[in-house]
All heavy atoms as atom14 arrays in JSON, in Angstrom:
{
  "sequence": "RQGKTYTLKNRNDATRTVLVEHPVNNAFALIETAKPVETASDVYR",
  "atom14_mask": [
    [1, 1, 1, 1, 1, 1, 1, 1, 1, 1, 1, 0, 0, 0],
    [1, 1, 1, 1, 1, 1, 1, 1, 1, 0, 0, 0, 0, 0],
    [1, 1, 1, 1, 0, 0, 0, 0, 0, 0, 0, 0, 0, 0],
    [1, 1, 1, 1, 1, 1, 1, 1, 1, 0, 0, 0, 0, 0],
    [1, 1, 1, 1, 1, 1, 1, 0, 0, 0, 0, 0, 0, 0],
    [1, 1, 1, 1, 1, 1, 1, 1, 1, 1, 1, 1, 0, 0],
    [1, 1, 1, 1, 1, 1, 1, 0, 0, 0, 0, 0, 0, 0],
    [1, 1, 1, 1, 1, 1, 1, 1, 0, 0, 0, 0, 0, 0],
    [1, 1, 1, 1, 1, 1, 1, 1, 1, 0, 0, 0, 0, 0],
    [1, 1, 1, 1, 1, 1, 1, 1, 0, 0, 0, 0, 0, 0],
    [1, 1, 1, 1, 1, 1, 1, 1, 1, 1, 1, 0, 0, 0],
    [1, 1, 1, 1, 1, 1, 1, 1, 0, 0, 0, 0, 0, 0],
    [1, 1, 1, 1, 1, 1, 1, 1, 0, 0, 0, 0, 0, 0],
    [1, 1, 1, 1, 1, 0, 0, 0, 0, 0, 0, 0, 0, 0],
    [1, 1, 1, 1, 1, 1, 1, 0, 0, 0, 0, 0, 0, 0],
    [1, 1, 1, 1, 1, 1, 1, 1, 1, 1, 1, 0, 0, 0],
    [1, 1, 1, 1, 1, 1, 1, 0, 0, 0, 0, 0, 0, 0],
    [1, 1, 1, 1, 1, 1, 1, 0, 0, 0, 0, 0, 0, 0],
    [1, 1, 1, 1, 1, 1, 1, 1, 0, 0, 0, 0, 0, 0],
    [1, 1, 1, 1, 1, 1, 1, 0, 0, 0, 0, 0, 0, 0],
    [1, 1, 1, 1, 1, 1, 1, 1, 1, 0, 0, 0, 0, 0],
    [1, 1, 1, 1, 1, 1, 1, 1, 1, 1, 0, 0, 0, 0],
    [1, 1, 1, 1, 1, 1, 1, 0, 0, 0, 0, 0, 0, 0],
    [1, 1, 1, 1, 1, 1, 1, 0, 0, 0, 0, 0, 0, 0],
    [1, 1, 1, 1, 1, 1, 1, 1, 0, 0, 0, 0, 0, 0],
    [1, 1, 1, 1, 1, 1, 1, 1, 0, 0, 0, 0, 0, 0],
    [1, 1, 1, 1, 1, 0, 0, 0, 0, 0, 0, 0, 0, 0],
    [1, 1, 1, 1, 1, 1, 1, 1, 1, 1, 1, 0, 0, 0],
    [1, 1, 1, 1, 1, 0, 0, 0, 0, 0, 0, 0, 0, 0],
    [1, 1, 1, 1, 1, 1, 1, 1, 0, 0, 0, 0, 0, 0],
    [1, 1, 1, 1, 1, 1, 1, 1, 0, 0, 0, 0, 0, 0],
    [1, 1, 1, 1, 1, 1, 1, 1, 1, 0, 0, 0, 0, 0],
    [1, 1, 1, 1, 1, 1, 1, 0, 0, 0, 0, 0, 0, 0],
    [1, 1, 1, 1, 1, 0, 0, 0, 0, 0, 0, 0, 0, 0],
    [1, 1, 1, 1, 1, 1, 1, 1, 1, 0, 0, 0, 0, 0],
    [1, 1, 1, 1, 1, 1, 1, 0, 0, 0, 0, 0, 0, 0],
    [1, 1, 1, 1, 1, 1, 1, 0, 0, 0, 0, 0, 0, 0],
    [1, 1, 1, 1, 1, 1, 1, 1, 1, 0, 0, 0, 0, 0],
    [1, 1, 1, 1, 1, 1, 1, 0, 0, 0, 0, 0, 0, 0],
    [1, 1, 1, 1, 1, 0, 0, 0, 0, 0, 0, 0, 0, 0],
    [1, 1, 1, 1, 1, 1, 0, 0, 0, 0, 0, 0, 0, 0],
    [1, 1, 1, 1, 1, 1, 1, 1, 0, 0, 0, 0, 0, 0],
    [1, 1, 1, 1, 1, 1, 1, 0, 0, 0, 0, 0, 0, 0],
    [1, 1, 1, 1, 1, 1, 1, 1, 1, 1, 1, 1, 0, 0],
    [1, 1, 1, 1, 1, 1, 1, 1, 1, 1, 1, 0, 0, 0]
  ],
  "atom14_positions": [
    [[7.07, -18.76, 15.39], [5.77, -18.29, 14.96], [5.79, -17.85, 13.51], [6.9, -17.44, 12.95], [5.37, -16.96, 15.76], [4.97, -17.22, 17.22], [4.31, -16.03, 17.85], [3.79, -16.36, 19.2], [3.14, -15.48, 19.85], [2.85, -14.26, 19.49], [2.7, -15.77, 21.14], [0.0, 0.0, 0.0], [0.0, 0.0, 0.0], [0.0, 0.0, 0.0]],
    [[4.69, -18.05, 12.93], [4.35, -17.49, 11.56], [3.04, -16.99, 11.47], [2.17, -17.5, 12.11], [4.7, -18.63, 10.44], [3.74, -19.73, 10.54], [4.02, -20.84, 9.5], [5.07, -20.9, 8.99], [3.13, -21.57, 9.14], [0.0, 0.0, 0.0], [0.0, 0.0, 0.0], [0.0, 0.0, 0.0], [0.0, 0.0, 0.0], [0.0, 0.0, 0.0]],
    [[2.81, -16.04, 10.59], [1.48, -15.4, 10.57], [1.25, -14.68, 9.26], [2.18, -14.55, 8.41], [0.0, 0.0, 0.0], [0.0, 0.0, 0.0], [0.0, 0.0, 0.0], [0.0, 0.0, 0.0], [0.0, 0.0, 0.0], [0.0, 0.0, 0.0], [0.0, 0.0, 0.0], [0.0, 0.0, 0.0], [0.0, 0.0, 0.0], [0.0, 0.0, 0.0]],
    [[0.08, -14.32, 9.01], [-0.32, -13.62, 7.93], [-1.59, -12.69, 8.25], [-2.51, -13.11, 8.92], [-0.69, -14.52, 6.75], [-1.0, -13.77, 5.38], [-0.98, -14.84, 4.29], [0.34, -15.29, 3.96], [0.38, -16.14, 2.69], [0.0, 0.0, 0.0], [0.0, 0.0, 0.0], [0.0, 0.0, 0.0], [0.0, 0.0, 0.0], [0.0, 0.0, 0.0]],
    [[-1.49, -11.46, 7.72], [-2.56, -10.5, 7.9], [-3.24, -10.28, 6.54], [-2.6, -9.95, 5.57], [-2.05, -9.14, 8.44], [-1.52, -9.36, 9.72], [-3.21, -8.19, 8.55], [0.0, 0.0, 0.0], [0.0, 0.0, 0.0], [0.0, 0.0, 0.0], [0.0, 0.0, 0.0], [0.0, 0.0, 0.0], [0.0, 0.0, 0.0], [0.0, 0.0, 0.0]],
    [[-4.54, -10.58, 6.6], [-5.34, -10.35, 5.35], [-6.11, -9.05, 5.54], [-7.03, -8.97, 6.43], [-6.32, -11.53, 5.19], [-5.66, -12.88, 4.98], [-5.38, -13.68, 6.08], [-5.33, -13.3, 3.73], [-4.84, -14.92, 5.91], [-4.78, -14.59, 3.57], [-4.5, -15.38, 4.68], [-3.87, -16.67, 4.52], [0.0, 0.0, 0.0], [0.0, 0.0, 0.0]],
    [[-5.9, -8.16, 4.71], [-6.61, -6.8, 4.78], [-7.71, -6.9, 3.67], [-7.36, -6.95, 2.44], [-5.73, -5.67, 4.56], [-4.68, -5.66, 5.6], [-6.43, -4.35, 4.67], [0.0, 0.0, 0.0], [0.0, 0.0, 0.0], [0.0, 0.0, 0.0], [0.0, 0.0, 0.0], [0.0, 0.0, 0.0], [0.0, 0.0, 0.0], [0.0, 0.0, 0.0]],
    [[-8.96, -6.73, 3.97], [-10.08, -6.82, 3.11], [-10.74, -5.41, 2.93], [-11.11, -4.8, 3.91], [-11.15, -7.79, 3.56], [-10.73, -9.31, 3.58], [-9.84, -9.66, 4.75], [-11.98, -10.1, 3.67], [0.0, 0.0, 0.0], [0.0, 0.0, 0.0], [0.0, 0.0, 0.0], [0.0, 0.0, 0.0], [0.0, 0.0, 0.0], [0.0, 0.0, 0.0]],
    [[-10.81, -4.98, 1.68], [-11.47, -3.75, 1.4], [-12.73, -4.02, 0.53], [-12.64, -4.58, -0.53], [-10.47, -2.82, 0.59], [-11.02, -1.44, 0.33], [-9.93, -0.6, -0.31], [-10.52, 0.85, -0.45], [-9.45, 1.74, -1.2], [0.0, 0.0, 0.0], [0.0, 0.0, 0.0], [0.0, 0.0, 0.0], [0.0, 0.0, 0.0], [0.0, 0.0, 0.0]],
    [[-13.89, -3.55, 1.04], [-15.14, -3.85, 0.31], [-15.53, -2.52, -0.44], [-15.96, -1.5, 0.12], [-16.2, -4.17, 1.31], [-17.55, -4.49, 0.58], [-17.67, -4.57, -0.58], [-18.55, -4.68, 1.46], [0.0, 0.0, 0.0], [0.0, 0.0, 0.0], [0.0, 0.0, 0.0], [0.0, 0.0, 0.0], [0.0, 0.0, 0.0], [0.0, 0.0, 0.0]],
    [[-15.52, -2.54, -1.81], [-15.86, -1.37, -2.59], [-17.29, -1.55, -3.12], [-17.75, -0.76, -3.88], [-14.96, -1.22, -3.76], [-13.47, -0.91, -3.36], [-12.67, -0.44, -4.55], [-12.6, -1.42, -5.59], [-11.65, -2.31, -5.65], [-10.63, -2.33, -4.69], [-11.65, -3.23, -6.62], [0.0, 0.0, 0.0], [0.0, 0.0, 0.0], [0.0, 0.0, 0.0]],
    [[-18.02, -2.6, -2.74], [-19.4, -2.93, -3.15], [-20.35, -1.86, -2.38], [-19.97, -1.25, -1.43], [-19.72, -4.29, -2.98], [-18.94, -5.27, -3.67], [-19.03, -5.43, -4.9], [-17.85, -5.95, -3.11], [0.0, 0.0, 0.0], [0.0, 0.0, 0.0], [0.0, 0.0, 0.0], [0.0, 0.0, 0.0], [0.0, 0.0, 0.0], [0.0, 0.0, 0.0]],
    [[-21.57, -1.91, -2.87], [-22.59, -1.07, -2.2], [-23.38, -1.9, -1.09], [-24.44, -1.43, -0.67], [-23.53, -0.51, -3.19], [-24.18, -1.51, -4.14], [-23.94, -2.73, -3.91], [-24.91, -1.13, -5.04], [0.0, 0.0, 0.0], [0.0, 0.0, 0.0], [0.0, 0.0, 0.0], [0.0, 0.0, 0.0], [0.0, 0.0, 0.0], [0.0, 0.0, 0.0]],
    [[-22.87, -3.12, -0.8], [-23.6, -3.92, 0.18], [-22.5, -4.72, 1.03], [-21.41, -4.76, 0.58], [-24.54, -4.89, -0.42], [0.0, 0.0, 0.0], [0.0, 0.0, 0.0], [0.0, 0.0, 0.0], [0.0, 0.0, 0.0], [0.0, 0.0, 0.0], [0.0, 0.0, 0.0], [0.0, 0.0, 0.0], [0.0, 0.0, 0.0], [0.0, 0.0, 0.0]],
    [[-22.9, -5.11, 2.26], [-21.97, -5.83, 3.07], [-21.54, -7.16, 2.38], [-22.44, -7.82, 1.73], [-22.7, -6.05, 4.44], [-23.0, -4.81, 5.05], [-21.76, -6.89, 5.3], [0.0, 0.0, 0.0], [0.0, 0.0, 0.0], [0.0, 0.0, 0.0], [0.0, 0.0, 0.0], [0.0, 0.0, 0.0], [0.0, 0.0, 0.0], [0.0, 0.0, 0.0]],
    [[-20.28, -7.46, 2.48], [-19.86, -8.71, 2.05], [-19.54, -9.69, 3.21], [-18.8, -9.22, 4.17], [-18.6, -8.55, 1.2], [-18.95, -8.08, -0.24], [-19.41, -9.28, -1.04], [-19.44, -8.91, -2.56], [-20.48, -8.59, -3.21], [-21.59, -8.33, -2.65], [-20.29, -8.31, -4.51], [0.0, 0.0, 0.0], [0.0, 0.0, 0.0], [0.0, 0.0, 0.0]],
    [[-19.91, -10.92, 3.08], [-19.48, -11.92, 4.03], [-18.35, -12.67, 3.37], [-18.61, -13.31, 2.31], [-20.64, -12.91, 4.39], [-21.73, -12.1, 5.03], [-20.15, -13.99, 5.33], [0.0, 0.0, 0.0], [0.0, 0.0, 0.0], [0.0, 0.0, 0.0], [0.0, 0.0, 0.0], [0.0, 0.0, 0.0], [0.0, 0.0, 0.0], [0.0, 0.0, 0.0]],
    [[-17.17, -12.62, 3.85], [-16.04, -13.16, 3.17], [-15.5, -14.4, 4.04], [-15.31, -14.22, 5.24], [-14.91, -12.14, 3.03], [-13.65, -12.7, 2.28], [-15.4, -10.92, 2.26], [0.0, 0.0, 0.0], [0.0, 0.0, 0.0], [0.0, 0.0, 0.0], [0.0, 0.0, 0.0], [0.0, 0.0, 0.0], [0.0, 0.0, 0.0], [0.0, 0.0, 0.0]],
    [[-15.29, -15.43, 3.33], [-14.69, -16.61, 3.92], [-13.22, -16.6, 3.53], [-12.94, -16.67, 2.3], [-15.36, -17.89, 3.46], [-16.74, -18.16, 4.08], [-17.23, -19.55, 3.53], [-16.69, -18.26, 5.56], [0.0, 0.0, 0.0], [0.0, 0.0, 0.0], [0.0, 0.0, 0.0], [0.0, 0.0, 0.0], [0.0, 0.0, 0.0], [0.0, 0.0, 0.0]],
    [[-12.3, -16.41, 4.44], [-10.89, -16.44, 4.16], [-10.36, -17.79, 4.39], [-10.46, -18.3, 5.59], [-10.13, -15.34, 5.0], [-8.64, -15.41, 4.67], [-10.66, -14.02, 4.73], [0.0, 0.0, 0.0], [0.0, 0.0, 0.0], [0.0, 0.0, 0.0], [0.0, 0.0, 0.0], [0.0, 0.0, 0.0], [0.0, 0.0, 0.0], [0.0, 0.0, 0.0]],
    [[-9.82, -18.45, 3.41], [-9.22, -19.84, 3.45], [-7.72, -19.68, 3.77], [-7.02, -19.12, 2.87], [-9.51, -20.68, 2.26], [-10.96, -20.94, 2.04], [-11.25, -21.89, 0.93], [-10.43, -21.96, 0.08], [-12.38, -22.5, 1.01], [0.0, 0.0, 0.0], [0.0, 0.0, 0.0], [0.0, 0.0, 0.0], [0.0, 0.0, 0.0], [0.0, 0.0, 0.0]],
    [[-7.29, -20.18, 4.88], [-5.87, -20.09, 5.23], [-5.33, -21.53, 5.27], [-5.97, -22.42, 5.9], [-5.75, -19.49, 6.62], [-4.24, -19.32, 7.0], [-3.41, -18.27, 6.69], [-3.43, -20.14, 7.76], [-2.18, -18.41, 7.12], [-2.24, -19.56, 7.86], [0.0, 0.0, 0.0], [0.0, 0.0, 0.0], [0.0, 0.0, 0.0], [0.0, 0.0, 0.0]],
    [[-4.14, -21.81, 4.71], [-3.67, -23.15, 4.63], [-3.42, -23.79, 6.02], [-2.94, -23.15, 6.89], [-2.35, -23.09, 3.82], [-2.42, -21.78, 3.2], [-3.2, -20.91, 3.95], [0.0, 0.0, 0.0], [0.0, 0.0, 0.0], [0.0, 0.0, 0.0], [0.0, 0.0, 0.0], [0.0, 0.0, 0.0], [0.0, 0.0, 0.0], [0.0, 0.0, 0.0]],
    [[-3.77, -24.98, 6.18], [-3.49, -25.78, 7.32], [-2.07, -26.36, 7.34], [-1.67, -26.98, 6.38], [-4.48, -26.93, 7.61], [-4.03, -27.88, 8.68], [-5.87, -26.45, 7.9], [0.0, 0.0, 0.0], [0.0, 0.0, 0.0], [0.0, 0.0, 0.0], [0.0, 0.0, 0.0], [0.0, 0.0, 0.0], [0.0, 0.0, 0.0], [0.0, 0.0, 0.0]],
    [[-1.28, -26.01, 8.36], [0.04, -26.52, 8.54], [0.07, -27.37, 9.81], [-0.04, -26.81, 10.89], [1.07, -25.43, 8.6], [2.55, -25.94, 8.56], [2.74, -27.12, 8.98], [3.43, -25.11, 8.2], [0.0, 0.0, 0.0], [0.0, 0.0, 0.0], [0.0, 0.0, 0.0], [0.0, 0.0, 0.0], [0.0, 0.0, 0.0], [0.0, 0.0, 0.0]],
    [[0.08, -28.66, 9.7], [-0.09, -29.54, 10.88], [1.03, -29.44, 11.87], [0.89, -29.93, 12.96], [-0.2, -31.04, 10.42], [-1.54, -31.24, 9.72], [-2.56, -30.67, 10.03], [-1.49, -32.02, 8.57], [0.0, 0.0, 0.0], [0.0, 0.0, 0.0], [0.0, 0.0, 0.0], [0.0, 0.0, 0.0], [0.0, 0.0, 0.0], [0.0, 0.0, 0.0]],
    [[2.21, -28.9, 11.42], [3.29, -28.66, 12.35], [3.05, -27.43, 13.3], [3.76, -27.29, 14.34], [4.63, -28.49, 11.58], [0.0, 0.0, 0.0], [0.0, 0.0, 0.0], [0.0, 0.0, 0.0], [0.0, 0.0, 0.0], [0.0, 0.0, 0.0], [0.0, 0.0, 0.0], [0.0, 0.0, 0.0], [0.0, 0.0, 0.0], [0.0, 0.0, 0.0]],
    [[2.16, -26.58, 12.95], [1.88, -25.4, 13.7], [0.44, -25.42, 14.32], [-0.48, -26.13, 13.65], [1.99, -24.13, 12.81], [3.43, -23.75, 12.54], [4.1, -24.44, 11.51], [4.04, -22.73, 13.16], [5.42, -24.13, 11.25], [5.36, -22.42, 12.87], [5.98, -23.06, 11.84], [0.0, 0.0, 0.0], [0.0, 0.0, 0.0], [0.0, 0.0, 0.0]],
    [[0.28, -24.65, 15.34], [-1.12, -24.58, 15.94], [-1.49, -23.14, 15.99], [-0.66, -22.23, 16.11], [-1.09, -25.15, 17.38], [0.0, 0.0, 0.0], [0.0, 0.0, 0.0], [0.0, 0.0, 0.0], [0.0, 0.0, 0.0], [0.0, 0.0, 0.0], [0.0, 0.0, 0.0], [0.0, 0.0, 0.0], [0.0, 0.0, 0.0], [0.0, 0.0, 0.0]],
    [[-2.79, -22.82, 15.79], [-3.35, -21.49, 15.89], [-3.23, -20.86, 17.27], [-3.54, -21.57, 18.22], [-4.81, -21.43, 15.34], [-5.04, -21.81, 13.88], [-6.5, -21.82, 13.68], [-4.34, -20.7, 13.0], [0.0, 0.0, 0.0], [0.0, 0.0, 0.0], [0.0, 0.0, 0.0], [0.0, 0.0, 0.0], [0.0, 0.0, 0.0], [0.0, 0.0, 0.0]],
    [[-2.72, -19.6, 17.35], [-2.7, -18.97, 18.69], [-3.1, -17.5, 18.41], [-2.91, -17.08, 17.3], [-1.33, -19.07, 19.38], [-0.29, -18.34, 18.51], [-0.92, -20.46, 19.7], [0.91, -17.95, 19.25], [0.0, 0.0, 0.0], [0.0, 0.0, 0.0], [0.0, 0.0, 0.0], [0.0, 0.0, 0.0], [0.0, 0.0, 0.0], [0.0, 0.0, 0.0]],
    [[-3.72, -16.9, 19.36], [-4.08, -15.51, 19.33], [-4.82, -15.15, 18.05], [-4.58, -14.1, 17.44], [-2.79, -14.64, 19.46], [-2.03, -14.79, 20.71], [-0.72, -14.11, 20.72], [-0.43, -13.26, 19.79], [0.07, -14.24, 21.69], [0.0, 0.0, 0.0], [0.0, 0.0, 0.0], [0.0, 0.0, 0.0], [0.0, 0.0, 0.0], [0.0, 0.0, 0.0]],
    [[-5.66, -16.11, 17.63], [-6.38, -15.92, 16.43], [-7.86, -16.34, 16.59], [-8.15, -17.24, 17.44], [-5.8, -16.82, 15.26], [-4.41, -16.55, 15.12], [-6.51, -16.73, 13.96], [0.0, 0.0, 0.0], [0.0, 0.0, 0.0], [0.0, 0.0, 0.0], [0.0, 0.0, 0.0], [0.0, 0.0, 0.0], [0.0, 0.0, 0.0], [0.0, 0.0, 0.0]],
    [[-8.76, -15.56, 16.03], [-10.19, -16.0, 16.1], [-10.39, -17.42, 15.64], [-9.74, -17.87, 14.73], [-11.01, -14.91, 15.27], [0.0, 0.0, 0.0], [0.0, 0.0, 0.0], [0.0, 0.0, 0.0], [0.0, 0.0, 0.0], [0.0, 0.0, 0.0], [0.0, 0.0, 0.0], [0.0, 0.0, 0.0], [0.0, 0.0, 0.0], [0.0, 0.0, 0.0]],
    [[-11.37, -17.99, 16.31], [-11.61, -19.48, 15.95], [-12.21, -19.49, 14.55], [-13.09, -18.73, 14.14], [-12.61, -20.06, 16.94], [-12.88, -21.51, 16.76], [-13.76, -22.12, 17.76], [-14.12, -23.56, 17.56], [-14.94, -24.1, 18.62], [0.0, 0.0, 0.0], [0.0, 0.0, 0.0], [0.0, 0.0, 0.0], [0.0, 0.0, 0.0], [0.0, 0.0, 0.0]],
    [[-11.69, -20.38, 13.75], [-12.3, -20.54, 12.34], [-13.72, -21.09, 12.4], [-14.0, -21.86, 13.33], [-11.36, -21.45, 11.67], [-10.68, -22.21, 12.7], [-10.59, -21.26, 13.92], [0.0, 0.0, 0.0], [0.0, 0.0, 0.0], [0.0, 0.0, 0.0], [0.0, 0.0, 0.0], [0.0, 0.0, 0.0], [0.0, 0.0, 0.0], [0.0, 0.0, 0.0]],
    [[-14.62, -20.65, 11.51], [-15.94, -21.21, 11.43], [-15.92, -22.58, 10.98], [-16.88, -23.37, 11.18], [-16.82, -20.28, 10.62], [-17.02, -18.93, 11.15], [-16.31, -20.21, 9.15], [0.0, 0.0, 0.0], [0.0, 0.0, 0.0], [0.0, 0.0, 0.0], [0.0, 0.0, 0.0], [0.0, 0.0, 0.0], [0.0, 0.0, 0.0], [0.0, 0.0, 0.0]],
    [[-14.88, -22.95, 10.29], [-14.82, -24.32, 9.67], [-13.31, -24.68, 9.45], [-12.54, -23.84, 9.12], [-15.6, -24.42, 8.4], [-15.63, -25.87, 7.82], [-16.43, -25.81, 6.5], [-16.98, -24.8, 6.12], [-16.32, -26.85, 5.76], [0.0, 0.0, 0.0], [0.0, 0.0, 0.0], [0.0, 0.0, 0.0], [0.0, 0.0, 0.0], [0.0, 0.0, 0.0]],
    [[-13.03, -25.99, 9.73], [-11.65, -26.5, 9.47], [-11.84, -27.67, 8.52], [-12.38, -28.68, 8.92], [-11.01, -26.91, 10.77], [-10.87, -25.72, 11.7], [-9.49, -27.31, 10.55], [0.0, 0.0, 0.0], [0.0, 0.0, 0.0], [0.0, 0.0, 0.0], [0.0, 0.0, 0.0], [0.0, 0.0, 0.0], [0.0, 0.0, 0.0], [0.0, 0.0, 0.0]],
    [[-11.21, -27.53, 7.34], [-11.25, -28.64, 6.36], [-9.88, -29.35, 6.55], [-9.01, -29.03, 7.38], [-11.41, -28.1, 5.01], [0.0, 0.0, 0.0], [0.0, 0.0, 0.0], [0.0, 0.0, 0.0], [0.0, 0.0, 0.0], [0.0, 0.0, 0.0], [0.0, 0.0, 0.0], [0.0, 0.0, 0.0], [0.0, 0.0, 0.0], [0.0, 0.0, 0.0]],
    [[-9.58, -30.38, 5.69], [-8.35, -31.16, 5.75], [-7.21, -30.26, 5.36], [-6.13, -30.5, 5.81], [-8.45, -32.34, 4.86], [-8.69, -31.88, 3.45], [0.0, 0.0, 0.0], [0.0, 0.0, 0.0], [0.0, 0.0, 0.0], [0.0, 0.0, 0.0], [0.0, 0.0, 0.0], [0.0, 0.0, 0.0], [0.0, 0.0, 0.0], [0.0, 0.0, 0.0]],
    [[-7.35, -29.25, 4.54], [-6.28, -28.5, 4.02], [-6.31, -27.04, 4.31], [-5.36, -26.27, 4.14], [-6.23, -28.65, 2.55], [-7.37, -28.34, 1.77], [-8.43, -28.24, 2.39], [-7.36, -28.06, 0.48], [0.0, 0.0, 0.0], [0.0, 0.0, 0.0], [0.0, 0.0, 0.0], [0.0, 0.0, 0.0], [0.0, 0.0, 0.0], [0.0, 0.0, 0.0]],
    [[-7.57, -26.52, 4.8], [-7.65, -25.04, 4.99], [-8.53, -24.78, 6.3], [-9.34, -25.63, 6.63], [-8.27, -24.31, 3.84], [-7.38, -24.32, 2.61], [-9.71, -24.79, 3.55], [0.0, 0.0, 0.0], [0.0, 0.0, 0.0], [0.0, 0.0, 0.0], [0.0, 0.0, 0.0], [0.0, 0.0, 0.0], [0.0, 0.0, 0.0], [0.0, 0.0, 0.0]],
    [[-8.12, -23.62, 6.94], [-9.04, -23.08, 7.95], [-9.9, -22.09, 7.14], [-9.4, -21.41, 6.31], [-8.19, -22.32, 9.01], [-7.3, -23.15, 9.88], [-5.94, -23.07, 9.72], [-7.75, -24.13, 10.72], [-5.04, -23.76, 10.46], [-6.86, -24.92, 11.57], [-5.45, -24.74, 11.39], [-4.57, -25.45, 12.04], [0.0, 0.0, 0.0], [0.0, 0.0, 0.0]],
    [[-11.18, -21.95, 7.61], [-12.02, -20.95, 7.04], [-12.44, -19.98, 8.09], [-13.05, -20.35, 9.16], [-13.22, -21.56, 6.31], [-12.86, -22.42, 5.14], [-14.17, -22.78, 4.32], [-13.68, -23.52, 3.17], [-13.77, -24.91, 2.99], [-14.28, -25.62, 4.0], [-13.33, -25.44, 1.95], [0.0, 0.0, 0.0], [0.0, 0.0, 0.0], [0.0, 0.0, 0.0]]
  ]
}
């Protein structure tokens, strides 16, 4: 297994919609992770 935790802190005065791009590694499959809204050739979003 390999993983990464992205901690996002919003200091703005309005809600932010953040798209986090995580690199696609074709040797690994996503598990125990929310489904990405989009999968490109090189990144999950």
